[in-house]
Amino acid sequence: MAQARPNPFRGLHDMFTEMERMRQVGRTGIGGGEGGPDMRVSEWVLAADIFANGADLVVRLEIPGVKPDDISVTFGGGVLTISGERRSELPDGVSFYARERFHGTFQRSITLPDGVAEDVITASFEDGITEITVSGAAHSAEPSRIRVEDRSSRRATRKASRRPK
């Protein structure tokens, strides 16, 4: 079976969706959840550190107040997705003077380098930090330089040779 091509505009779509959600929060003071089925972003965005540790790519995400069983890590189409839900521990009917901690679903997607296979990805959780290691994915191959051919000098030569003398 042929593998589906990843959508190269997925990250751009997510960015615009998140910007619209933030505008909604600014206008009404309430979060998403009303965004409809196309809304892939969430109530809150996970803070992440992404770095190389030798040849390994490491992603560390702060997910305080979430149990490991409420976190899902998936990989498909070259995209690593971390999602889950932080449930409110407060009883229903409380009155807030301030509410700055987000509850509800979250999602963070990270595009990994080409050629990464699922079997090189491991995930662990400790003290509210989820750490995902992608073995061997931190190799930063130098981009290939493509020579740009200057055809303008050939065109000028051809034009000069076609002119009547």
N, C-alpha and C. Protein backbone atom coordinates (compact mmCIF):
# COMPACT_ATOMS: atom_id res chain seq x y z
N MET A 1 0.85 -1.18 0.00
CA MET A 1 0.00 0.00 0.00
C MET A 1 0.89 1.24 0.00
N ALA A 2 0.57 2.20 -0.81
CA ALA A 2 1.35 3.43 -0.91
C ALA A 2 1.16 4.28 0.34
N GLN A 3 2.26 4.88 0.78
CA GLN A 3 2.19 5.74 1.97
C GLN A 3 1.66 7.11 1.57
N ALA A 4 0.74 7.64 2.38
CA ALA A 4 0.16 8.95 2.09
C ALA A 4 1.22 10.03 2.24
N ARG A 5 1.20 10.98 1.34
CA ARG A 5 2.14 12.10 1.42
C ARG A 5 1.71 13.04 2.53
N PRO A 6 2.64 13.49 3.35
CA PRO A 6 2.26 14.45 4.40
C PRO A 6 1.88 15.79 3.76
N ASN A 7 0.97 16.48 4.41
CA ASN A 7 0.52 17.78 3.93
C ASN A 7 1.58 18.82 4.30
N PRO A 8 2.24 19.43 3.31
CA PRO A 8 3.30 20.40 3.64
C PRO A 8 2.76 21.68 4.27
N PHE A 9 1.45 21.90 4.21
CA PHE A 9 0.86 23.11 4.76
C PHE A 9 0.22 22.89 6.11
N ARG A 10 0.38 21.69 6.70
CA ARG A 10 -0.26 21.38 7.98
C ARG A 10 0.15 22.37 9.07
N GLY A 11 1.44 22.63 9.20
CA GLY A 11 1.91 23.57 10.22
C GLY A 11 1.37 24.97 10.01
N LEU A 12 1.27 25.39 8.75
CA LEU A 12 0.73 26.71 8.44
C LEU A 12 -0.74 26.78 8.82
N HIS A 13 -1.49 25.73 8.50
CA HIS A 13 -2.91 25.69 8.87
C HIS A 13 -3.06 25.76 10.40
N ASP A 14 -2.24 25.00 11.12
CA ASP A 14 -2.30 25.02 12.58
C ASP A 14 -1.98 26.41 13.13
N MET A 15 -1.00 27.10 12.51
CA MET A 15 -0.63 28.43 12.97
C MET A 15 -1.79 29.41 12.81
N PHE A 16 -2.44 29.40 11.63
CA PHE A 16 -3.56 30.30 11.41
C PHE A 16 -4.74 29.97 12.33
N THR A 17 -4.97 28.68 12.56
CA THR A 17 -6.04 28.27 13.46
C THR A 17 -5.75 28.75 14.87
N GLU A 18 -4.51 28.63 15.31
CA GLU A 18 -4.13 29.10 16.65
C GLU A 18 -4.27 30.62 16.76
N MET A 19 -3.89 31.34 15.70
CA MET A 19 -4.03 32.80 15.73
C MET A 19 -5.50 33.20 15.86
N GLU A 20 -6.38 32.50 15.16
CA GLU A 20 -7.81 32.79 15.26
C GLU A 20 -8.34 32.47 16.66
N ARG A 21 -7.86 31.37 17.24
CA ARG A 21 -8.28 31.03 18.60
C ARG A 21 -7.83 32.11 19.58
N MET A 22 -6.63 32.62 19.41
CA MET A 22 -6.13 33.66 20.31
C MET A 22 -6.93 34.95 20.15
N ARG A 23 -7.33 35.28 18.91
CA ARG A 23 -8.19 36.45 18.71
C ARG A 23 -9.52 36.27 19.43
N GLN A 24 -10.07 35.05 19.38
CA GLN A 24 -11.33 34.75 20.05
C GLN A 24 -11.17 34.92 21.57
N VAL A 25 -10.08 34.44 22.11
CA VAL A 25 -9.82 34.60 23.54
C VAL A 25 -9.72 36.08 23.88
N GLY A 26 -9.04 36.86 23.05
CA GLY A 26 -8.91 38.30 23.29
C GLY A 26 -10.24 39.03 23.23
N ARG A 27 -11.11 38.63 22.31
CA ARG A 27 -12.42 39.29 22.17
C ARG A 27 -13.38 38.92 23.28
N THR A 28 -13.43 37.63 23.63
CA THR A 28 -14.47 37.18 24.55
C THR A 28 -13.95 36.78 25.92
N GLY A 29 -12.63 36.57 26.02
CA GLY A 29 -12.07 36.14 27.30
C GLY A 29 -12.24 34.66 27.56
N ILE A 30 -12.77 33.93 26.58
CA ILE A 30 -12.91 32.49 26.75
C ILE A 30 -12.13 31.79 25.66
N GLY A 31 -11.79 30.53 25.93
CA GLY A 31 -10.96 29.78 25.01
C GLY A 31 -11.76 29.11 23.92
N GLY A 32 -11.01 28.28 23.14
CA GLY A 32 -11.59 27.56 22.00
C GLY A 32 -12.71 26.63 22.44
N GLY A 33 -12.66 25.43 21.98
CA GLY A 33 -13.73 24.50 22.28
C GLY A 33 -14.93 24.76 21.40
N GLU A 34 -15.07 25.98 20.91
CA GLU A 34 -16.18 26.33 20.04
C GLU A 34 -15.71 26.38 18.59
N GLY A 35 -14.47 25.97 18.37
CA GLY A 35 -13.88 26.11 17.06
C GLY A 35 -14.38 25.15 16.02
N GLY A 36 -15.14 24.16 16.41
CA GLY A 36 -15.68 23.22 15.45
C GLY A 36 -14.73 22.07 15.20
N PRO A 37 -15.13 21.16 14.33
CA PRO A 37 -14.35 19.95 14.13
C PRO A 37 -12.99 20.19 13.47
N ASP A 38 -12.82 21.30 12.77
CA ASP A 38 -11.56 21.58 12.10
C ASP A 38 -10.52 22.17 13.05
N MET A 39 -10.91 22.50 14.25
CA MET A 39 -9.99 23.13 15.19
C MET A 39 -9.10 22.08 15.82
N ARG A 40 -7.83 22.04 15.39
CA ARG A 40 -6.92 21.04 15.90
C ARG A 40 -6.08 21.57 17.05
N VAL A 41 -6.06 22.85 17.25
CA VAL A 41 -5.30 23.40 18.36
C VAL A 41 -6.14 23.31 19.61
N SER A 42 -5.56 23.63 20.72
CA SER A 42 -6.24 23.34 21.97
C SER A 42 -6.34 24.57 22.84
N GLU A 43 -6.86 24.38 24.04
CA GLU A 43 -7.02 25.44 25.01
C GLU A 43 -5.67 26.04 25.42
N TRP A 44 -4.65 25.22 25.48
CA TRP A 44 -3.36 25.72 25.92
C TRP A 44 -2.26 25.06 25.11
N VAL A 45 -1.15 25.74 25.02
CA VAL A 45 -0.03 25.27 24.22
C VAL A 45 1.07 24.80 25.16
N LEU A 46 1.59 23.63 24.90
CA LEU A 46 2.64 23.07 25.72
C LEU A 46 3.96 23.79 25.48
N ALA A 47 4.64 24.16 26.56
CA ALA A 47 5.97 24.74 26.44
C ALA A 47 6.94 23.60 26.14
N ALA A 48 7.83 23.81 25.18
CA ALA A 48 8.73 22.74 24.74
C ALA A 48 10.15 23.24 24.60
N ASP A 49 11.09 22.36 24.88
CA ASP A 49 12.49 22.53 24.54
C ASP A 49 12.81 21.42 23.55
N ILE A 50 13.40 21.77 22.42
CA ILE A 50 13.79 20.79 21.41
C ILE A 50 15.28 21.00 21.17
N PHE A 51 16.07 19.93 21.40
CA PHE A 51 17.52 20.10 21.31
C PHE A 51 18.18 18.79 20.89
N ALA A 52 19.46 18.91 20.51
CA ALA A 52 20.26 17.74 20.15
C ALA A 52 21.07 17.32 21.36
N ASN A 53 21.09 16.03 21.61
CA ASN A 53 21.93 15.44 22.64
C ASN A 53 22.76 14.37 21.93
N GLY A 54 23.95 14.77 21.49
CA GLY A 54 24.74 13.90 20.64
C GLY A 54 24.03 13.75 19.31
N ALA A 55 23.76 12.51 18.89
CA ALA A 55 23.07 12.26 17.63
C ALA A 55 21.56 12.21 17.80
N ASP A 56 21.09 12.30 19.06
CA ASP A 56 19.65 12.17 19.32
C ASP A 56 18.95 13.52 19.37
N LEU A 57 17.72 13.55 18.88
CA LEU A 57 16.86 14.72 18.98
C LEU A 57 15.98 14.50 20.21
N VAL A 58 15.95 15.50 21.10
CA VAL A 58 15.19 15.38 22.35
C VAL A 58 14.14 16.48 22.39
N VAL A 59 12.92 16.08 22.73
CA VAL A 59 11.81 17.02 22.90
C VAL A 59 11.36 16.90 24.35
N ARG A 60 11.43 18.01 25.09
CA ARG A 60 10.93 18.03 26.48
C ARG A 60 9.76 18.99 26.55
N LEU A 61 8.66 18.49 27.10
CA LEU A 61 7.44 19.28 27.19
C LEU A 61 6.99 19.38 28.63
N GLU A 62 6.60 20.59 29.04
CA GLU A 62 6.03 20.79 30.36
C GLU A 62 4.55 20.46 30.28
N ILE A 63 4.14 19.47 31.07
CA ILE A 63 2.72 19.10 31.11
C ILE A 63 2.34 18.94 32.58
N PRO A 64 2.36 20.03 33.34
CA PRO A 64 2.06 19.92 34.77
C PRO A 64 0.59 19.58 35.02
N GLY A 65 0.37 18.80 36.06
CA GLY A 65 -0.99 18.46 36.46
C GLY A 65 -1.65 17.43 35.58
N VAL A 66 -0.89 16.75 34.75
CA VAL A 66 -1.45 15.72 33.87
C VAL A 66 -0.79 14.39 34.21
N LYS A 67 -1.60 13.36 34.31
CA LYS A 67 -1.08 12.02 34.59
C LYS A 67 -0.56 11.41 33.28
N PRO A 68 0.45 10.56 33.37
CA PRO A 68 0.99 9.94 32.15
C PRO A 68 -0.07 9.19 31.33
N ASP A 69 -1.07 8.62 31.99
CA ASP A 69 -2.12 7.90 31.27
C ASP A 69 -2.99 8.84 30.44
N ASP A 70 -2.96 10.15 30.73
CA ASP A 70 -3.75 11.13 29.99
C ASP A 70 -2.97 11.78 28.87
N ILE A 71 -1.77 11.25 28.56
CA ILE A 71 -0.92 11.79 27.50
C ILE A 71 -0.82 10.76 26.39
N SER A 72 -0.97 11.22 25.15
CA SER A 72 -0.84 10.36 23.97
C SER A 72 0.28 10.89 23.10
N VAL A 73 1.20 10.02 22.71
CA VAL A 73 2.28 10.38 21.79
C VAL A 73 2.10 9.51 20.56
N THR A 74 1.91 10.16 19.40
CA THR A 74 1.73 9.43 18.15
C THR A 74 2.71 9.94 17.10
N PHE A 75 2.97 9.11 16.10
CA PHE A 75 3.88 9.48 15.02
C PHE A 75 3.31 8.95 13.72
N GLY A 76 3.18 9.85 12.74
CA GLY A 76 2.70 9.46 11.42
C GLY A 76 2.96 10.56 10.41
N GLY A 77 3.32 10.17 9.21
CA GLY A 77 3.57 11.15 8.15
C GLY A 77 4.70 12.10 8.48
N GLY A 78 5.67 11.65 9.29
CA GLY A 78 6.79 12.50 9.65
C GLY A 78 6.49 13.50 10.75
N VAL A 79 5.30 13.40 11.36
CA VAL A 79 4.90 14.35 12.39
C VAL A 79 4.70 13.64 13.73
N LEU A 80 5.38 14.14 14.74
CA LEU A 80 5.23 13.66 16.11
C LEU A 80 4.16 14.52 16.78
N THR A 81 3.14 13.88 17.35
CA THR A 81 2.05 14.62 17.97
C THR A 81 1.90 14.19 19.41
N ILE A 82 1.88 15.18 20.31
CA ILE A 82 1.68 14.95 21.73
C ILE A 82 0.33 15.59 22.07
N SER A 83 -0.58 14.80 22.61
CA SER A 83 -1.90 15.32 22.93
C SER A 83 -2.39 14.70 24.22
N GLY A 84 -3.44 15.27 24.74
CA GLY A 84 -4.02 14.73 25.97
C GLY A 84 -5.01 15.70 26.57
N GLU A 85 -5.22 15.53 27.86
CA GLU A 85 -6.19 16.36 28.55
C GLU A 85 -5.76 16.59 29.99
N ARG A 86 -5.90 17.84 30.43
CA ARG A 86 -5.71 18.16 31.86
C ARG A 86 -7.10 18.40 32.42
N ARG A 87 -7.45 17.58 33.39
CA ARG A 87 -8.78 17.67 33.99
C ARG A 87 -8.73 18.62 35.18
N SER A 88 -9.83 19.31 35.42
CA SER A 88 -9.93 20.20 36.56
C SER A 88 -10.14 19.37 37.82
N GLU A 89 -9.39 19.68 38.86
CA GLU A 89 -9.53 18.95 40.11
C GLU A 89 -10.51 19.65 41.06
N LEU A 90 -11.08 20.76 40.62
CA LEU A 90 -12.01 21.51 41.47
C LEU A 90 -13.44 21.02 41.30
N PRO A 91 -14.21 21.10 42.35
CA PRO A 91 -15.61 20.68 42.23
C PRO A 91 -16.40 21.66 41.36
N ASP A 92 -17.49 21.18 40.78
CA ASP A 92 -18.37 22.04 39.99
C ASP A 92 -19.01 23.08 40.89
N GLY A 93 -19.31 24.23 40.32
CA GLY A 93 -20.03 25.26 41.06
C GLY A 93 -19.17 26.23 41.84
N VAL A 94 -17.84 26.13 41.76
CA VAL A 94 -17.00 27.09 42.48
C VAL A 94 -17.01 28.43 41.74
N SER A 95 -16.80 29.52 42.46
CA SER A 95 -16.73 30.85 41.87
C SER A 95 -15.27 31.28 41.85
N PHE A 96 -14.80 31.69 40.68
CA PHE A 96 -13.40 32.09 40.54
C PHE A 96 -13.26 33.60 40.68
N TYR A 97 -12.20 34.01 41.35
CA TYR A 97 -11.79 35.41 41.34
C TYR A 97 -10.80 35.63 40.19
N ALA A 98 -10.04 34.59 39.89
CA ALA A 98 -9.13 34.59 38.74
C ALA A 98 -8.96 33.14 38.31
N ARG A 99 -8.88 32.92 37.03
CA ARG A 99 -8.62 31.58 36.51
C ARG A 99 -7.62 31.70 35.38
N GLU A 100 -6.38 31.35 35.68
CA GLU A 100 -5.30 31.48 34.71
C GLU A 100 -4.75 30.15 34.25
N ARG A 101 -5.08 29.09 34.94
CA ARG A 101 -4.61 27.76 34.55
C ARG A 101 -5.63 27.15 33.59
N PHE A 102 -5.14 26.71 32.46
CA PHE A 102 -6.02 26.11 31.46
C PHE A 102 -6.26 24.65 31.78
N HIS A 103 -7.46 24.21 31.50
CA HIS A 103 -7.84 22.81 31.61
C HIS A 103 -8.48 22.42 30.30
N GLY A 104 -8.46 21.16 30.03
CA GLY A 104 -9.05 20.67 28.79
C GLY A 104 -8.00 20.00 27.94
N THR A 105 -8.30 19.87 26.68
CA THR A 105 -7.41 19.14 25.79
C THR A 105 -6.24 20.01 25.33
N PHE A 106 -5.17 19.34 24.96
CA PHE A 106 -4.00 20.03 24.41
C PHE A 106 -3.45 19.17 23.28
N GLN A 107 -2.70 19.83 22.39
CA GLN A 107 -2.03 19.13 21.30
C GLN A 107 -0.84 19.94 20.83
N ARG A 108 0.24 19.26 20.57
CA ARG A 108 1.44 19.89 20.02
C ARG A 108 2.00 18.97 18.96
N SER A 109 2.23 19.47 17.76
CA SER A 109 2.77 18.66 16.67
C SER A 109 4.12 19.21 16.26
N ILE A 110 5.05 18.29 16.02
CA ILE A 110 6.41 18.65 15.66
C ILE A 110 6.81 17.82 14.45
N THR A 111 7.23 18.49 13.37
CA THR A 111 7.69 17.78 12.18
C THR A 111 9.11 17.29 12.42
N LEU A 112 9.32 15.99 12.22
CA LEU A 112 10.63 15.40 12.42
C LEU A 112 11.38 15.31 11.09
N PRO A 113 12.70 15.17 11.13
CA PRO A 113 13.47 15.07 9.89
C PRO A 113 13.03 13.87 9.05
N ASP A 114 13.25 13.96 7.74
CA ASP A 114 12.92 12.85 6.84
C ASP A 114 13.66 11.59 7.25
N GLY A 115 13.01 10.46 7.06
CA GLY A 115 13.66 9.17 7.30
C GLY A 115 13.53 8.65 8.72
N VAL A 116 12.86 9.36 9.61
CA VAL A 116 12.70 8.88 10.98
C VAL A 116 11.67 7.77 11.00
N ALA A 117 12.00 6.67 11.68
CA ALA A 117 11.09 5.54 11.82
C ALA A 117 10.53 5.51 13.24
N GLU A 118 9.36 4.95 13.38
CA GLU A 118 8.68 4.89 14.68
C GLU A 118 9.50 4.15 15.75
N ASP A 119 10.24 3.14 15.35
CA ASP A 119 10.96 2.31 16.32
C ASP A 119 12.16 3.00 16.98
N VAL A 120 12.51 4.22 16.56
CA VAL A 120 13.63 4.94 17.19
C VAL A 120 13.12 6.02 18.15
N ILE A 121 11.81 6.05 18.40
CA ILE A 121 11.21 7.07 19.26
C ILE A 121 10.83 6.44 20.59
N THR A 122 11.30 7.07 21.69
CA THR A 122 10.91 6.63 23.03
C THR A 122 10.38 7.82 23.80
N ALA A 123 9.50 7.55 24.77
CA ALA A 123 8.91 8.63 25.57
C ALA A 123 8.92 8.23 27.04
N SER A 124 9.18 9.23 27.91
CA SER A 124 9.14 9.00 29.35
C SER A 124 8.51 10.21 30.02
N PHE A 125 8.11 10.03 31.27
CA PHE A 125 7.43 11.08 32.02
C PHE A 125 7.99 11.09 33.45
N GLU A 126 8.31 12.30 33.93
CA GLU A 126 8.77 12.45 35.31
C GLU A 126 8.52 13.88 35.77
N ASP A 127 7.86 14.02 36.91
CA ASP A 127 7.63 15.31 37.55
C ASP A 127 7.03 16.36 36.60
N GLY A 128 6.04 15.97 35.82
CA GLY A 128 5.36 16.91 34.94
C GLY A 128 6.09 17.22 33.65
N ILE A 129 7.20 16.54 33.39
CA ILE A 129 7.97 16.74 32.16
C ILE A 129 7.89 15.46 31.33
N THR A 130 7.43 15.58 30.10
CA THR A 130 7.44 14.46 29.17
C THR A 130 8.65 14.64 28.28
N GLU A 131 9.47 13.60 28.19
CA GLU A 131 10.68 13.66 27.36
C GLU A 131 10.57 12.61 26.27
N ILE A 132 10.72 13.06 25.04
CA ILE A 132 10.66 12.18 23.88
C ILE A 132 12.03 12.23 23.21
N THR A 133 12.62 11.06 23.01
CA THR A 133 13.93 10.97 22.37
C THR A 133 13.78 10.27 21.03
N VAL A 134 14.33 10.90 20.00
CA VAL A 134 14.33 10.34 18.65
C VAL A 134 15.78 10.01 18.32
N SER A 135 16.12 8.73 18.46
CA SER A 135 17.52 8.30 18.29
C SER A 135 18.01 8.56 16.88
N GLY A 136 19.17 9.21 16.79
CA GLY A 136 19.83 9.45 15.51
C GLY A 136 19.22 10.52 14.65
N ALA A 137 18.23 11.26 15.15
CA ALA A 137 17.54 12.24 14.30
C ALA A 137 18.15 13.63 14.36
N ALA A 138 19.20 13.82 15.15
CA ALA A 138 19.76 15.17 15.28
C ALA A 138 20.87 15.44 14.28
N HIS A 139 21.14 14.47 13.41
CA HIS A 139 22.17 14.71 12.41
C HIS A 139 21.72 15.88 11.54
N SER A 140 22.55 16.87 11.50
CA SER A 140 22.18 18.05 10.71
C SER A 140 23.02 18.05 9.44
N ALA A 141 22.53 17.37 8.45
CA ALA A 141 23.24 17.33 7.18
C ALA A 141 23.25 18.72 6.57
N GLU A 142 24.38 19.08 6.06
CA GLU A 142 24.49 20.38 5.39
C GLU A 142 23.64 20.34 4.13
N PRO A 143 22.92 21.41 3.86
CA PRO A 143 22.13 21.43 2.64
C PRO A 143 23.04 21.45 1.41
N SER A 144 22.59 20.82 0.35
CA SER A 144 23.36 20.81 -0.90
C SER A 144 23.18 22.13 -1.61
N ARG A 145 24.25 22.63 -2.13
CA ARG A 145 24.18 23.88 -2.89
C ARG A 145 23.97 23.53 -4.36
N ILE A 146 22.98 24.13 -4.95
CA ILE A 146 22.66 23.90 -6.35
C ILE A 146 23.20 25.08 -7.15
N ARG A 147 23.99 24.76 -8.16
CA ARG A 147 24.58 25.81 -8.99
C ARG A 147 23.51 26.44 -9.85
N VAL A 148 23.51 27.76 -9.90
CA VAL A 148 22.57 28.51 -10.73
C VAL A 148 23.29 28.89 -12.01
N GLU A 149 22.77 28.41 -13.10
CA GLU A 149 23.38 28.66 -14.40
C GLU A 149 22.96 30.03 -14.90
N ASP A 150 23.91 30.80 -15.34
CA ASP A 150 23.64 32.12 -15.90
C ASP A 150 23.42 31.97 -17.39
N ARG A 151 22.16 32.00 -17.79
CA ARG A 151 21.83 31.85 -19.20
C ARG A 151 21.75 33.19 -19.92
N SER A 152 21.83 34.27 -19.19
CA SER A 152 21.72 35.59 -19.82
C SER A 152 22.88 35.86 -20.77
N SER A 153 24.08 35.43 -20.47
CA SER A 153 25.21 35.68 -21.37
C SER A 153 25.07 34.86 -22.64
N ARG A 154 24.53 33.65 -22.56
CA ARG A 154 24.31 32.85 -23.77
C ARG A 154 23.22 33.49 -24.63
N ARG A 155 22.17 34.02 -23.99
CA ARG A 155 21.08 34.65 -24.72
C ARG A 155 21.61 35.87 -25.46
N ALA A 156 22.44 36.66 -24.81
CA ALA A 156 22.99 37.85 -25.46
C ALA A 156 23.85 37.46 -26.67
N THR A 157 24.59 36.37 -26.54
CA THR A 157 25.41 35.89 -27.65
C THR A 157 24.56 35.43 -28.80
N ARG A 158 23.46 34.69 -28.49
CA ARG A 158 22.55 34.21 -29.54
C ARG A 158 21.88 35.38 -30.25
N LYS A 159 21.44 36.37 -29.50
CA LYS A 159 20.77 37.53 -30.11
C LYS A 159 21.74 38.26 -31.03
N ALA A 160 22.96 38.42 -30.59
CA ALA A 160 23.96 39.12 -31.41
C ALA A 160 24.25 38.36 -32.70
N SER A 161 24.23 37.04 -32.63
CA SER A 161 24.53 36.23 -33.83
C SER A 161 23.36 36.23 -34.81
N ARG A 162 22.11 36.52 -34.34
CA ARG A 162 20.94 36.54 -35.21
C ARG A 162 20.75 37.90 -35.88
N ARG A 163 21.37 38.92 -35.40
CA ARG A 163 21.19 40.26 -36.00
C ARG A 163 21.78 40.30 -37.39
N PRO A 164 21.06 40.95 -38.31
CA PRO A 164 21.63 41.08 -39.67
C PRO A 164 22.84 42.02 -39.64
N LYS A 165 23.79 41.70 -40.48
CA LYS A 165 25.01 42.51 -40.52
C LYS A 165 24.99 43.52 -41.60
